[in-house]
N, C-alpha and C. Protein backbone atom coordinates (compact mmCIF):
# COMPACT_ATOMS: atom_id res chain seq x y z
N GLN A 1 25.44 8.73 -2.24
CA GLN A 1 25.00 7.94 -3.39
C GLN A 1 24.80 8.86 -4.59
N VAL A 2 25.54 8.58 -5.64
CA VAL A 2 25.45 9.40 -6.84
C VAL A 2 24.14 9.10 -7.57
N GLN A 3 23.43 10.15 -7.92
CA GLN A 3 22.21 10.00 -8.70
C GLN A 3 22.15 11.06 -9.79
N LEU A 4 21.68 10.63 -10.95
CA LEU A 4 21.41 11.53 -12.06
C LEU A 4 19.98 11.26 -12.51
N VAL A 5 19.18 12.30 -12.54
CA VAL A 5 17.76 12.12 -12.86
C VAL A 5 17.38 13.08 -13.98
N GLU A 6 17.03 12.51 -15.12
CA GLU A 6 16.63 13.32 -16.27
C GLU A 6 15.13 13.61 -16.25
N SER A 7 14.78 14.71 -16.86
CA SER A 7 13.38 15.06 -17.04
C SER A 7 13.26 16.01 -18.22
N GLY A 8 12.02 16.23 -18.64
CA GLY A 8 11.78 17.21 -19.69
C GLY A 8 11.48 16.65 -21.06
N GLY A 9 11.57 15.35 -21.22
CA GLY A 9 11.26 14.75 -22.51
C GLY A 9 9.78 14.79 -22.80
N GLY A 10 9.45 14.41 -24.02
CA GLY A 10 8.05 14.38 -24.40
C GLY A 10 7.88 14.32 -25.90
N LEU A 11 6.66 14.54 -26.33
CA LEU A 11 6.33 14.54 -27.74
C LEU A 11 6.34 15.98 -28.24
N VAL A 12 7.04 16.21 -29.33
CA VAL A 12 7.14 17.56 -29.89
C VAL A 12 7.06 17.46 -31.41
N GLN A 13 6.50 18.47 -32.03
CA GLN A 13 6.40 18.48 -33.48
C GLN A 13 7.73 18.85 -34.12
N PRO A 14 7.97 18.42 -35.33
CA PRO A 14 9.19 18.85 -36.03
C PRO A 14 9.30 20.37 -36.04
N GLY A 15 10.51 20.83 -35.78
CA GLY A 15 10.75 22.27 -35.69
C GLY A 15 10.58 22.83 -34.30
N GLY A 16 10.07 22.03 -33.40
CA GLY A 16 9.83 22.48 -32.03
C GLY A 16 11.08 22.44 -31.17
N SER A 17 10.87 22.79 -29.89
CA SER A 17 11.98 22.87 -28.94
C SER A 17 11.63 22.14 -27.66
N LEU A 18 12.67 21.69 -26.99
CA LEU A 18 12.54 21.09 -25.67
C LEU A 18 13.77 21.45 -24.86
N ARG A 19 13.60 21.47 -23.54
CA ARG A 19 14.73 21.59 -22.65
C ARG A 19 14.73 20.40 -21.71
N LEU A 20 15.79 19.62 -21.80
CA LEU A 20 15.96 18.50 -20.90
C LEU A 20 16.78 18.93 -19.69
N SER A 21 16.46 18.33 -18.55
CA SER A 21 17.20 18.62 -17.32
C SER A 21 17.80 17.33 -16.77
N CYS A 22 18.96 17.48 -16.16
CA CYS A 22 19.61 16.37 -15.46
C CYS A 22 19.96 16.88 -14.06
N ALA A 23 19.21 16.41 -13.08
CA ALA A 23 19.44 16.81 -11.70
C ALA A 23 20.40 15.82 -11.04
N ALA A 24 21.47 16.33 -10.49
CA ALA A 24 22.52 15.49 -9.92
C ALA A 24 22.55 15.62 -8.41
N SER A 25 22.98 14.54 -7.77
CA SER A 25 23.15 14.56 -6.32
C SER A 25 24.17 13.50 -5.92
N GLY A 26 24.71 13.67 -4.72
CA GLY A 26 25.62 12.67 -4.19
C GLY A 26 27.09 12.88 -4.50
N PHE A 27 27.40 13.99 -5.15
CA PHE A 27 28.81 14.28 -5.44
C PHE A 27 28.97 15.78 -5.61
N ALA A 28 30.22 16.22 -5.65
CA ALA A 28 30.53 17.65 -5.78
C ALA A 28 30.31 18.07 -7.24
N PHE A 29 29.08 18.37 -7.54
CA PHE A 29 28.62 18.57 -8.92
C PHE A 29 29.50 19.54 -9.71
N SER A 30 29.85 20.64 -9.13
CA SER A 30 30.56 21.69 -9.87
C SER A 30 31.96 21.25 -10.30
N ASN A 31 32.46 20.16 -9.73
CA ASN A 31 33.82 19.72 -10.04
C ASN A 31 33.90 18.73 -11.20
N TYR A 32 32.77 18.34 -11.74
CA TYR A 32 32.77 17.25 -12.72
C TYR A 32 32.10 17.64 -14.04
N ALA A 33 32.63 17.02 -15.10
CA ALA A 33 31.99 17.15 -16.41
C ALA A 33 30.74 16.27 -16.46
N ILE A 34 29.75 16.75 -17.17
CA ILE A 34 28.52 16.02 -17.40
C ILE A 34 28.28 15.92 -18.90
N SER A 35 27.83 14.76 -19.32
CA SER A 35 27.57 14.56 -20.75
C SER A 35 26.12 14.14 -20.97
N TRP A 36 25.66 14.42 -22.17
CA TRP A 36 24.38 13.90 -22.64
C TRP A 36 24.65 12.90 -23.77
N TYR A 37 23.99 11.76 -23.67
CA TYR A 37 23.99 10.74 -24.71
C TYR A 37 22.55 10.56 -25.19
N ARG A 38 22.42 9.92 -26.32
CA ARG A 38 21.09 9.54 -26.75
C ARG A 38 21.14 8.18 -27.44
N GLN A 39 20.01 7.50 -27.43
CA GLN A 39 19.93 6.20 -28.06
C GLN A 39 18.60 6.07 -28.76
N ALA A 40 18.66 5.97 -30.08
CA ALA A 40 17.47 5.79 -30.89
C ALA A 40 17.15 4.30 -30.98
N PRO A 41 15.91 3.96 -31.24
CA PRO A 41 15.52 2.56 -31.34
C PRO A 41 16.38 1.81 -32.37
N GLY A 42 16.94 0.69 -31.95
CA GLY A 42 17.74 -0.13 -32.84
C GLY A 42 19.13 0.38 -33.12
N LYS A 43 19.52 1.46 -32.43
CA LYS A 43 20.85 2.04 -32.67
C LYS A 43 21.66 2.06 -31.38
N GLU A 44 22.95 2.24 -31.54
CA GLU A 44 23.82 2.32 -30.38
C GLU A 44 23.67 3.69 -29.70
N ARG A 45 23.98 3.71 -28.43
CA ARG A 45 23.98 4.96 -27.69
C ARG A 45 25.12 5.84 -28.22
N GLU A 46 24.83 7.11 -28.45
CA GLU A 46 25.85 8.01 -28.99
C GLU A 46 26.01 9.24 -28.10
N LEU A 47 27.23 9.73 -28.06
CA LEU A 47 27.55 10.91 -27.28
C LEU A 47 27.08 12.15 -28.03
N VAL A 48 26.31 12.97 -27.33
CA VAL A 48 25.79 14.20 -27.93
C VAL A 48 26.68 15.39 -27.60
N THR A 49 26.91 15.59 -26.30
CA THR A 49 27.64 16.78 -25.88
C THR A 49 28.16 16.61 -24.47
N THR A 50 29.22 17.33 -24.15
CA THR A 50 29.83 17.32 -22.82
C THR A 50 30.07 18.75 -22.37
N LEU A 51 29.84 18.99 -21.10
CA LEU A 51 30.15 20.28 -20.50
C LEU A 51 31.07 20.04 -19.32
N THR A 52 32.27 20.62 -19.39
CA THR A 52 33.24 20.40 -18.33
C THR A 52 32.96 21.28 -17.12
N SER A 53 33.71 21.04 -16.07
CA SER A 53 33.52 21.81 -14.85
C SER A 53 33.89 23.28 -15.04
N ASP A 54 34.77 23.56 -15.99
CA ASP A 54 35.16 24.96 -16.20
C ASP A 54 34.30 25.63 -17.26
N GLY A 55 33.24 24.95 -17.71
CA GLY A 55 32.30 25.58 -18.62
C GLY A 55 32.57 25.37 -20.09
N THR A 56 33.54 24.53 -20.42
CA THR A 56 33.83 24.25 -21.82
C THR A 56 32.87 23.18 -22.35
N SER A 57 32.23 23.51 -23.44
CA SER A 57 31.29 22.54 -24.01
C SER A 57 31.79 22.03 -25.35
N THR A 58 31.44 20.81 -25.62
CA THR A 58 31.76 20.18 -26.90
C THR A 58 30.52 19.52 -27.45
N MET A 59 30.18 19.83 -28.68
CA MET A 59 29.08 19.18 -29.37
C MET A 59 29.70 18.23 -30.38
N TYR A 60 29.35 16.97 -30.31
CA TYR A 60 30.09 15.96 -31.05
C TYR A 60 29.51 15.66 -32.42
N LYS A 61 28.30 16.10 -32.66
CA LYS A 61 27.66 15.81 -33.94
C LYS A 61 27.40 17.11 -34.69
N ASP A 62 27.88 17.18 -35.92
CA ASP A 62 27.71 18.40 -36.70
C ASP A 62 26.25 18.77 -36.87
N ASP A 63 25.43 17.76 -37.00
CA ASP A 63 24.01 18.01 -37.23
C ASP A 63 23.35 18.71 -36.07
N MET A 64 23.93 18.59 -34.89
CA MET A 64 23.34 19.19 -33.70
C MET A 64 23.88 20.58 -33.41
N LYS A 65 25.00 20.90 -34.01
CA LYS A 65 25.59 22.22 -33.77
C LYS A 65 24.64 23.30 -34.27
N GLY A 66 24.42 24.26 -33.43
CA GLY A 66 23.48 25.32 -33.77
C GLY A 66 22.05 25.01 -33.38
N ARG A 67 21.78 23.74 -33.09
CA ARG A 67 20.42 23.38 -32.66
C ARG A 67 20.38 22.99 -31.18
N PHE A 68 21.44 22.35 -30.69
CA PHE A 68 21.49 21.89 -29.31
C PHE A 68 22.53 22.71 -28.55
N THR A 69 22.23 22.98 -27.30
CA THR A 69 23.15 23.70 -26.42
C THR A 69 23.10 23.06 -25.05
N ILE A 70 24.25 22.91 -24.43
CA ILE A 70 24.31 22.39 -23.08
C ILE A 70 24.68 23.52 -22.13
N SER A 71 24.08 23.51 -20.96
CA SER A 71 24.41 24.50 -19.94
C SER A 71 24.28 23.86 -18.57
N ARG A 72 24.79 24.53 -17.56
CA ARG A 72 24.69 24.00 -16.21
C ARG A 72 24.41 25.12 -15.23
N ASP A 73 23.71 24.76 -14.16
CA ASP A 73 23.46 25.67 -13.05
C ASP A 73 24.02 24.97 -11.82
N ASN A 74 25.20 25.38 -11.41
CA ASN A 74 25.85 24.72 -10.28
C ASN A 74 25.09 24.94 -8.97
N ALA A 75 24.37 26.03 -8.87
CA ALA A 75 23.60 26.28 -7.66
C ALA A 75 22.45 25.28 -7.52
N LYS A 76 21.98 24.77 -8.65
CA LYS A 76 20.88 23.81 -8.65
C LYS A 76 21.35 22.38 -8.93
N ASN A 77 22.65 22.20 -9.08
CA ASN A 77 23.19 20.88 -9.41
C ASN A 77 22.47 20.26 -10.62
N THR A 78 22.31 21.07 -11.63
CA THR A 78 21.53 20.64 -12.79
C THR A 78 22.23 21.03 -14.08
N VAL A 79 22.18 20.10 -15.02
CA VAL A 79 22.66 20.35 -16.38
C VAL A 79 21.45 20.31 -17.31
N TYR A 80 21.47 21.19 -18.29
CA TYR A 80 20.37 21.28 -19.23
C TYR A 80 20.84 20.98 -20.65
N LEU A 81 19.96 20.40 -21.43
CA LEU A 81 20.18 20.25 -22.86
C LEU A 81 19.03 20.98 -23.55
N HIS A 82 19.39 22.09 -24.19
CA HIS A 82 18.41 22.90 -24.90
C HIS A 82 18.42 22.43 -26.35
N MET A 83 17.26 22.03 -26.83
CA MET A 83 17.15 21.49 -28.17
C MET A 83 16.13 22.30 -28.96
N SER A 84 16.52 22.73 -30.12
CA SER A 84 15.61 23.48 -30.97
C SER A 84 15.65 22.93 -32.39
N SER A 85 14.72 23.39 -33.22
CA SER A 85 14.61 22.91 -34.60
C SER A 85 14.67 21.39 -34.65
N LEU A 86 13.91 20.78 -33.80
CA LEU A 86 13.96 19.33 -33.67
C LEU A 86 13.46 18.63 -34.92
N LYS A 87 14.10 17.50 -35.21
CA LYS A 87 13.79 16.71 -36.38
C LYS A 87 13.33 15.32 -35.96
N PRO A 88 12.59 14.63 -36.81
CA PRO A 88 12.18 13.26 -36.44
C PRO A 88 13.37 12.36 -36.08
N GLU A 89 14.51 12.59 -36.71
CA GLU A 89 15.68 11.76 -36.42
C GLU A 89 16.31 12.06 -35.06
N ASP A 90 15.81 13.08 -34.38
CA ASP A 90 16.25 13.35 -33.01
C ASP A 90 15.49 12.49 -32.00
N THR A 91 14.51 11.76 -32.47
CA THR A 91 13.75 10.87 -31.59
C THR A 91 14.67 9.84 -30.97
N ALA A 92 14.69 9.79 -29.65
CA ALA A 92 15.60 8.91 -28.92
C ALA A 92 15.33 9.04 -27.44
N ALA A 93 15.90 8.11 -26.69
CA ALA A 93 16.00 8.28 -25.24
C ALA A 93 17.29 9.04 -24.96
N TYR A 94 17.19 10.06 -24.13
CA TYR A 94 18.34 10.91 -23.81
C TYR A 94 18.77 10.64 -22.38
N PHE A 95 20.07 10.45 -22.22
CA PHE A 95 20.65 10.08 -20.93
C PHE A 95 21.73 11.07 -20.53
N CYS A 96 21.82 11.39 -19.26
CA CYS A 96 22.99 12.11 -18.79
C CYS A 96 23.94 11.13 -18.13
N TYR A 97 25.19 11.54 -18.14
CA TYR A 97 26.29 10.65 -17.74
C TYR A 97 27.36 11.45 -17.02
N ALA A 98 27.94 10.81 -16.00
CA ALA A 98 29.09 11.40 -15.33
C ALA A 98 30.03 10.28 -14.90
N ARG A 99 31.31 10.60 -14.95
CA ARG A 99 32.32 9.67 -14.44
C ARG A 99 32.82 10.26 -13.14
N ILE A 100 32.51 9.61 -12.04
CA ILE A 100 32.81 10.12 -10.71
C ILE A 100 33.72 9.13 -10.01
N ARG A 101 34.88 9.60 -9.63
CA ARG A 101 35.83 8.74 -8.91
C ARG A 101 35.99 7.39 -9.61
N ARG A 102 36.25 7.45 -10.90
CA ARG A 102 36.56 6.31 -11.76
C ARG A 102 35.40 5.34 -11.93
N ARG A 103 34.18 5.79 -11.66
CA ARG A 103 33.00 4.97 -11.91
C ARG A 103 32.07 5.73 -12.84
N ASP A 104 31.38 4.96 -13.67
CA ASP A 104 30.44 5.54 -14.61
C ASP A 104 29.03 5.54 -14.00
N TYR A 105 28.37 6.70 -14.15
CA TYR A 105 27.01 6.83 -13.65
C TYR A 105 26.11 7.35 -14.77
N TRP A 106 24.93 6.72 -14.85
CA TRP A 106 23.94 7.08 -15.86
C TRP A 106 22.61 7.40 -15.19
N GLY A 107 21.89 8.30 -15.80
CA GLY A 107 20.51 8.48 -15.40
C GLY A 107 19.64 7.43 -16.06
N GLN A 108 18.36 7.48 -15.75
CA GLN A 108 17.42 6.48 -16.27
C GLN A 108 16.95 6.83 -17.68
N GLY A 109 17.19 8.05 -18.10
CA GLY A 109 16.82 8.47 -19.44
C GLY A 109 15.47 9.16 -19.50
N THR A 110 15.32 10.00 -20.51
CA THR A 110 14.04 10.64 -20.78
C THR A 110 13.78 10.56 -22.27
N GLN A 111 12.58 10.20 -22.64
CA GLN A 111 12.25 9.94 -24.04
C GLN A 111 11.85 11.23 -24.74
N VAL A 112 12.45 11.45 -25.90
CA VAL A 112 12.07 12.55 -26.78
C VAL A 112 11.54 11.96 -28.08
N THR A 113 10.34 12.34 -28.43
CA THR A 113 9.74 11.88 -29.68
C THR A 113 9.37 13.09 -30.51
N VAL A 114 9.92 13.14 -31.71
CA VAL A 114 9.65 14.25 -32.62
C VAL A 114 8.78 13.72 -33.76
N SER A 115 7.55 14.15 -33.76
CA SER A 115 6.60 13.62 -34.74
C SER A 115 5.44 14.58 -34.91
N SER A 116 4.92 14.60 -36.11
CA SER A 116 3.72 15.41 -36.36
C SER A 116 2.46 14.57 -36.19
């Protein structure tokens, strides 16, 4: 059974940092790309970044380049989203995603709130 479980969200002040984790199970983790999405209140879910099985990462939003980094630890079956210089507009629920054997899998999400 494929599972993706996010953690690490919380309340942080503007300019602060957080590291989100996505713990995966039920599939050959090292063989698959993992993505992070986010969804702000009243907005559509948007793709933040993807890390492929060979370690290639893509950051899809210019505003996040230089502030967000994705990494993976295949020994721990975990993908991380490192976020720094956080802004109030980064407030959202963050989800990890994987497409495994032609099916889409999502985690339950972790809330990030950036506020003073």
